[in-house]
Amino acid sequence: MVIESADYALEISAAEWRMTPAEEAQRAKQAAQGMNDFMRRLGDAVERQQRRKKDPKQRGDEQD
């Protein structure tokens, strides 16, 4: 977003909402699960790539 102006006033107020300890724990759990899922998918992709390099038949490079 771009805001262009020569005449504006910015007011910053104190935070009016905070997560409860239970909400923070749930958020941390979700973040950890997201990272675990990402790392698993990354590892799977690396393994597939390595298998393709070892087995040219999987790449369609087989010569008859």
PDB file of N, CA and C in Angstrom:
ATOM      1  N   MET A   1       0.846  -1.156   0.000  1.00  0.00           N
ATOM      2  CA  MET A   1       0.000   0.000   0.000  1.00  0.00           C
ATOM      3  C   MET A   1       0.903   1.234   0.000  1.00  0.00           C
ATOM      4  N   VAL A   2       0.517   2.223  -0.763  1.00  0.00           N
ATOM      5  CA  VAL A   2       1.256   3.475  -0.810  1.00  0.00           C
ATOM      6  C   VAL A   2       0.313   4.592  -0.409  1.00  0.00           C
ATOM      7  N   ILE A   3       0.760   5.391   0.528  1.00  0.00           N
ATOM      8  CA  ILE A   3      -0.020   6.561   0.939  1.00  0.00           C
ATOM      9  C   ILE A   3       0.829   7.783   0.638  1.00  0.00           C
ATOM     10  N   GLU A   4       0.307   8.630  -0.225  1.00  0.00           N
ATOM     11  CA  GLU A   4       1.026   9.849  -0.570  1.00  0.00           C
ATOM     12  C   GLU A   4       0.259  11.032  -0.007  1.00  0.00           C
ATOM     13  N   SER A   5       0.955  11.836   0.769  1.00  0.00           N
ATOM     14  CA  SER A   5       0.331  13.008   1.351  1.00  0.00           C
ATOM     15  C   SER A   5       1.413  13.919   1.884  1.00  0.00           C
ATOM     16  N   ALA A   6       1.117  15.197   1.877  1.00  0.00           N
ATOM     17  CA  ALA A   6       2.033  16.156   2.468  1.00  0.00           C
ATOM     18  C   ALA A   6       1.485  16.651   3.805  1.00  0.00           C
ATOM     19  N   ASP A   7       0.250  16.271   4.100  1.00  0.00           N
ATOM     20  CA  ASP A   7      -0.391  16.800   5.304  1.00  0.00           C
ATOM     21  C   ASP A   7      -1.166  15.687   6.003  1.00  0.00           C
ATOM     22  N   TYR A   8      -0.528  15.013   6.914  1.00  0.00           N
ATOM     23  CA  TYR A   8      -1.223  14.001   7.694  1.00  0.00           C
ATOM     24  C   TYR A   8      -0.622  13.946   9.090  1.00  0.00           C
ATOM     25  N   ALA A   9      -1.393  13.414  10.006  1.00  0.00           N
ATOM     26  CA  ALA A   9      -0.922  13.269  11.383  1.00  0.00           C
ATOM     27  C   ALA A   9      -1.003  11.788  11.745  1.00  0.00           C
ATOM     28  N   LEU A  10       0.043  11.282  12.351  1.00  0.00           N
ATOM     29  CA  LEU A  10       0.092   9.882  12.738  1.00  0.00           C
ATOM     30  C   LEU A  10       0.011   9.795  14.254  1.00  0.00           C
ATOM     31  N   GLU A  11      -0.935   9.014  14.727  1.00  0.00           N
ATOM     32  CA  GLU A  11      -1.066   8.794  16.161  1.00  0.00           C
ATOM     33  C   GLU A  11      -0.884   7.313  16.436  1.00  0.00           C
ATOM     34  N   ILE A  12      -0.015   6.986  17.380  1.00  0.00           N
ATOM     35  CA  ILE A  12       0.219   5.603  17.761  1.00  0.00           C
ATOM     36  C   ILE A  12      -0.315   5.424  19.171  1.00  0.00           C
ATOM     37  N   SER A  13      -1.219   4.479  19.297  1.00  0.00           N
ATOM     38  CA  SER A  13      -1.819   4.245  20.614  1.00  0.00           C
ATOM     39  C   SER A  13      -1.262   2.957  21.202  1.00  0.00           C
ATOM     40  N   ALA A  14      -1.494   2.782  22.471  1.00  0.00           N
ATOM     41  CA  ALA A  14      -1.073   1.552  23.150  1.00  0.00           C
ATOM     42  C   ALA A  14      -1.879   0.380  22.609  1.00  0.00           C
ATOM     43  N   ALA A  15      -1.272  -0.793  22.636  1.00  0.00           N
ATOM     44  CA  ALA A  15      -1.969  -1.996  22.167  1.00  0.00           C
ATOM     45  C   ALA A  15      -3.215  -2.223  23.021  1.00  0.00           C
ATOM     46  N   GLU A  16      -4.307  -2.525  22.353  1.00  0.00           N
ATOM     47  CA  GLU A  16      -5.558  -2.727  23.082  1.00  0.00           C
ATOM     48  C   GLU A  16      -5.935  -4.192  23.186  1.00  0.00           C
ATOM     49  N   TRP A  17      -5.187  -5.050  22.507  1.00  0.00           N
ATOM     50  CA  TRP A  17      -5.515  -6.475  22.524  1.00  0.00           C
ATOM     51  C   TRP A  17      -4.241  -7.273  22.645  1.00  0.00           C
ATOM     52  N   ARG A  18      -4.281  -8.283  23.443  1.00  0.00           N
ATOM     53  CA  ARG A  18      -3.154  -9.193  23.604  1.00  0.00           C
ATOM     54  C   ARG A  18      -3.699 -10.611  23.605  1.00  0.00           C
ATOM     55  N   MET A  19      -2.861 -11.541  23.131  1.00  0.00           N
ATOM     56  CA  MET A  19      -3.251 -12.947  23.163  1.00  0.00           C
ATOM     57  C   MET A  19      -3.230 -13.435  24.603  1.00  0.00           C
ATOM     58  N   THR A  20      -4.157 -14.312  24.894  1.00  0.00           N
ATOM     59  CA  THR A  20      -4.122 -14.972  26.192  1.00  0.00           C
ATOM     60  C   THR A  20      -2.999 -16.000  26.157  1.00  0.00           C
ATOM     61  N   PRO A  21      -2.547 -16.473  27.298  1.00  0.00           N
ATOM     62  CA  PRO A  21      -1.517 -17.521  27.287  1.00  0.00           C
ATOM     63  C   PRO A  21      -1.953 -18.748  26.473  1.00  0.00           C
ATOM     64  N   ALA A  22      -3.223 -19.112  26.536  1.00  0.00           N
ATOM     65  CA  ALA A  22      -3.713 -20.259  25.762  1.00  0.00           C
ATOM     66  C   ALA A  22      -3.652 -19.966  24.261  1.00  0.00           C
ATOM     67  N   GLU A  23      -4.022 -18.752  23.864  1.00  0.00           N
ATOM     68  CA  GLU A  23      -3.950 -18.375  22.448  1.00  0.00           C
ATOM     69  C   GLU A  23      -2.504 -18.350  21.959  1.00  0.00           C
ATOM     70  N   GLU A  24      -1.612 -17.837  22.793  1.00  0.00           N
ATOM     71  CA  GLU A  24      -0.192 -17.790  22.428  1.00  0.00           C
ATOM     72  C   GLU A  24       0.371 -19.203  22.285  1.00  0.00           C
ATOM     73  N   ALA A  25      -0.012 -20.101  23.181  1.00  0.00           N
ATOM     74  CA  ALA A  25       0.446 -21.493  23.099  1.00  0.00           C
ATOM     75  C   ALA A  25      -0.069 -22.142  21.818  1.00  0.00           C
ATOM     76  N   GLN A  26      -1.335 -21.893  21.477  1.00  0.00           N
ATOM     77  CA  GLN A  26      -1.909 -22.446  20.247  1.00  0.00           C
ATOM     78  C   GLN A  26      -1.196 -21.886  19.020  1.00  0.00           C
ATOM     79  N   ARG A  27      -0.892 -20.591  19.033  1.00  0.00           N
ATOM     80  CA  ARG A  27      -0.190 -19.973  17.912  1.00  0.00           C
ATOM     81  C   ARG A  27       1.201 -20.578  17.769  1.00  0.00           C
ATOM     82  N   ALA A  28       1.889 -20.775  18.878  1.00  0.00           N
ATOM     83  CA  ALA A  28       3.223 -21.367  18.837  1.00  0.00           C
ATOM     84  C   ALA A  28       3.154 -22.804  18.311  1.00  0.00           C
ATOM     85  N   LYS A  29       2.134 -23.538  18.720  1.00  0.00           N
ATOM     86  CA  LYS A  29       1.963 -24.918  18.248  1.00  0.00           C
ATOM     87  C   LYS A  29       1.720 -24.943  16.736  1.00  0.00           C
ATOM     88  N   GLN A  30       0.875 -24.040  16.263  1.00  0.00           N
ATOM     89  CA  GLN A  30       0.591 -23.970  14.828  1.00  0.00           C
ATOM     90  C   GLN A  30       1.832 -23.567  14.040  1.00  0.00           C
ATOM     91  N   ALA A  31       2.615 -22.629  14.568  1.00  0.00           N
ATOM     92  CA  ALA A  31       3.835 -22.203  13.885  1.00  0.00           C
ATOM     93  C   ALA A  31       4.835 -23.352  13.809  1.00  0.00           C
ATOM     94  N   ALA A  32       4.968 -24.100  14.897  1.00  0.00           N
ATOM     95  CA  ALA A  32       5.887 -25.240  14.904  1.00  0.00           C
ATOM     96  C   ALA A  32       5.422 -26.307  13.923  1.00  0.00           C
ATOM     97  N   GLN A  33       4.129 -26.576  13.879  1.00  0.00           N
ATOM     98  CA  GLN A  33       3.598 -27.570  12.945  1.00  0.00           C
ATOM     99  C   GLN A  33       3.818 -27.127  11.511  1.00  0.00           C
ATOM    100  N   GLY A  34       3.617 -25.831  11.245  1.00  0.00           N
ATOM    101  CA  GLY A  34       3.861 -25.307   9.907  1.00  0.00           C
ATOM    102  C   GLY A  34       5.310 -25.467   9.497  1.00  0.00           C
ATOM    103  N   MET A  35       6.233 -25.202  10.406  1.00  0.00           N
ATOM    104  CA  MET A  35       7.656 -25.364  10.096  1.00  0.00           C
ATOM    105  C   MET A  35       7.989 -26.834   9.881  1.00  0.00           C
ATOM    106  N   ASN A  36       7.447 -27.715  10.707  1.00  0.00           N
ATOM    107  CA  ASN A  36       7.678 -29.153  10.539  1.00  0.00           C
ATOM    108  C   ASN A  36       7.173 -29.628   9.182  1.00  0.00           C
ATOM    109  N   ASP A  37       5.979 -29.187   8.795  1.00  0.00           N
ATOM    110  CA  ASP A  37       5.421 -29.566   7.496  1.00  0.00           C
ATOM    111  C   ASP A  37       6.306 -29.059   6.352  1.00  0.00           C
ATOM    112  N   PHE A  38       6.755 -27.821   6.463  1.00  0.00           N
ATOM    113  CA  PHE A  38       7.616 -27.246   5.437  1.00  0.00           C
ATOM    114  C   PHE A  38       8.916 -28.039   5.309  1.00  0.00           C
ATOM    115  N   MET A  39       9.537 -28.344   6.455  1.00  0.00           N
ATOM    116  CA  MET A  39      10.811 -29.065   6.417  1.00  0.00           C
ATOM    117  C   MET A  39      10.622 -30.480   5.859  1.00  0.00           C
ATOM    118  N   ARG A  40       9.509 -31.127   6.177  1.00  0.00           N
ATOM    119  CA  ARG A  40       9.235 -32.457   5.630  1.00  0.00           C
ATOM    120  C   ARG A  40       9.084 -32.380   4.123  1.00  0.00           C
ATOM    121  N   ARG A  41       8.318 -31.391   3.646  1.00  0.00           N
ATOM    122  CA  ARG A  41       8.122 -31.249   2.209  1.00  0.00           C
ATOM    123  C   ARG A  41       9.429 -30.904   1.506  1.00  0.00           C
ATOM    124  N   LEU A  42      10.246 -30.070   2.127  1.00  0.00           N
ATOM    125  CA  LEU A  42      11.543 -29.728   1.553  1.00  0.00           C
ATOM    126  C   LEU A  42      12.432 -30.965   1.477  1.00  0.00           C
ATOM    127  N   GLY A  43      12.472 -31.743   2.552  1.00  0.00           N
ATOM    128  CA  GLY A  43      13.269 -32.967   2.561  1.00  0.00           C
ATOM    129  C   GLY A  43      12.809 -33.944   1.495  1.00  0.00           C
ATOM    130  N   ASP A  44      11.476 -34.084   1.354  1.00  0.00           N
ATOM    131  CA  ASP A  44      10.940 -34.971   0.323  1.00  0.00           C
ATOM    132  C   ASP A  44      11.361 -34.510  -1.067  1.00  0.00           C
ATOM    133  N   ALA A  45      11.305 -33.203  -1.302  1.00  0.00           N
ATOM    134  CA  ALA A  45      11.682 -32.665  -2.619  1.00  0.00           C
ATOM    135  C   ALA A  45      13.165 -32.896  -2.899  1.00  0.00           C
ATOM    136  N   VAL A  46      13.999 -32.717  -1.890  1.00  0.00           N
ATOM    137  CA  VAL A  46      15.438 -32.956  -2.066  1.00  0.00           C
ATOM    138  C   VAL A  46      15.688 -34.426  -2.376  1.00  0.00           C
ATOM    139  N   GLU A  47      15.021 -35.320  -1.652  1.00  0.00           N
ATOM    140  CA  GLU A  47      15.185 -36.756  -1.909  1.00  0.00           C
ATOM    141  C   GLU A  47      14.750 -37.126  -3.321  1.00  0.00           C
ATOM    142  N   ARG A  48      13.636 -36.584  -3.781  1.00  0.00           N
ATOM    143  CA  ARG A  48      13.172 -36.862  -5.152  1.00  0.00           C
ATOM    144  C   ARG A  48      14.194 -36.377  -6.160  1.00  0.00           C
ATOM    145  N   GLN A  49      14.730 -35.189  -5.938  1.00  0.00           N
ATOM    146  CA  GLN A  49      15.732 -34.633  -6.852  1.00  0.00           C
ATOM    147  C   GLN A  49      16.979 -35.515  -6.877  1.00  0.00           C
ATOM    148  N   GLN A  50      17.410 -35.978  -5.724  1.00  0.00           N
ATOM    149  CA  GLN A  50      18.602 -36.830  -5.664  1.00  0.00           C
ATOM    150  C   GLN A  50      18.351 -38.163  -6.360  1.00  0.00           C
ATOM    151  N   ARG A  51      17.159 -38.719  -6.203  1.00  0.00           N
ATOM    152  CA  ARG A  51      16.839 -39.980  -6.885  1.00  0.00           C
ATOM    153  C   ARG A  51      16.836 -39.799  -8.396  1.00  0.00           C
ATOM    154  N   ARG A  52      16.332 -38.671  -8.872  1.00  0.00           N
ATOM    155  CA  ARG A  52      16.315 -38.401 -10.308  1.00  0.00           C
ATOM    156  C   ARG A  52      17.733 -38.335 -10.859  1.00  0.00           C
ATOM    157  N   LYS A  53      18.644 -37.747 -10.116  1.00  0.00           N
ATOM    158  CA  LYS A  53      20.030 -37.648 -10.572  1.00  0.00           C
ATOM    159  C   LYS A  53      20.690 -39.016 -10.633  1.00  0.00           C
ATOM    160  N   LYS A  54      20.307 -39.917  -9.709  1.00  0.00           N
ATOM    161  CA  LYS A  54      20.904 -41.250  -9.677  1.00  0.00           C
ATOM    162  C   LYS A  54      20.297 -42.177 -10.714  1.00  0.00           C
ATOM    163  N   ASP A  55      19.031 -41.960 -11.075  1.00  0.00           N
ATOM    164  CA  ASP A  55      18.330 -42.857 -11.986  1.00  0.00           C
ATOM    165  C   ASP A  55      17.859 -42.071 -13.208  1.00  0.00           C
ATOM    166  N   PRO A  56      18.635 -42.046 -14.293  1.00  0.00           N
ATOM    167  CA  PRO A  56      18.272 -41.259 -15.484  1.00  0.00           C
ATOM    168  C   PRO A  56      16.949 -41.705 -16.100  1.00  0.00           C
ATOM    169  N   LYS A  57      16.514 -42.944 -15.849  1.00  0.00           N
ATOM    170  CA  LYS A  57      15.240 -43.419 -16.406  1.00  0.00           C
ATOM    171  C   LYS A  57      14.073 -42.584 -15.897  1.00  0.00           C
ATOM    172  N   GLN A  58      14.165 -42.088 -14.672  1.00  0.00           N
ATOM    173  CA  GLN A  58      13.092 -41.280 -14.108  1.00  0.00           C
ATOM    174  C   GLN A  58      12.995 -39.922 -14.785  1.00  0.00           C
ATOM    175  N   ARG A  59      14.076 -39.482 -15.406  1.00  0.00           N
ATOM    176  CA  ARG A  59      14.058 -38.182 -16.086  1.00  0.00           C
ATOM    177  C   ARG A  59      13.629 -38.307 -17.534  1.00  0.00           C
ATOM    178  N   GLY A  60      13.488 -39.522 -18.015  1.00  0.00           N
ATOM    179  CA  GLY A  60      13.143 -39.695 -19.417  1.00  0.00           C
ATOM    180  C   GLY A  60      14.356 -39.656 -20.301  1.00  0.00           C
ATOM    181  N   ASP A  61      15.562 -39.836 -19.742  1.00  0.00           N
ATOM    182  CA  ASP A  61      16.802 -39.791 -20.516  1.00  0.00           C
ATOM    183  C   ASP A  61      17.238 -41.158 -21.001  1.00  0.00           C
ATOM    184  N   GLU A  62      16.392 -42.166 -20.840  1.00  0.00           N
ATOM    185  CA  GLU A  62      16.763 -43.524 -21.196  1.00  0.00           C
ATOM    186  C   GLU A  62      16.959 -43.615 -22.705  1.00  0.00           C
ATOM    187  N   GLN A  63      18.041 -44.223 -23.106  1.00  0.00           N
ATOM    188  CA  GLN A  63      18.330 -44.396 -24.519  1.00  0.00           C
ATOM    189  C   GLN A  63      18.205 -45.868 -24.863  1.00  0.00           C
ATOM    190  N   ASP A  64      17.459 -46.184 -25.903  1.00  0.00           N
ATOM    191  CA  ASP A  64      17.280 -47.583 -26.327  1.00  0.00           C
ATOM    192  C   ASP A  64      18.302 -47.991 -27.325  1.00  0.00           C
TER     193      ASP A  64
END
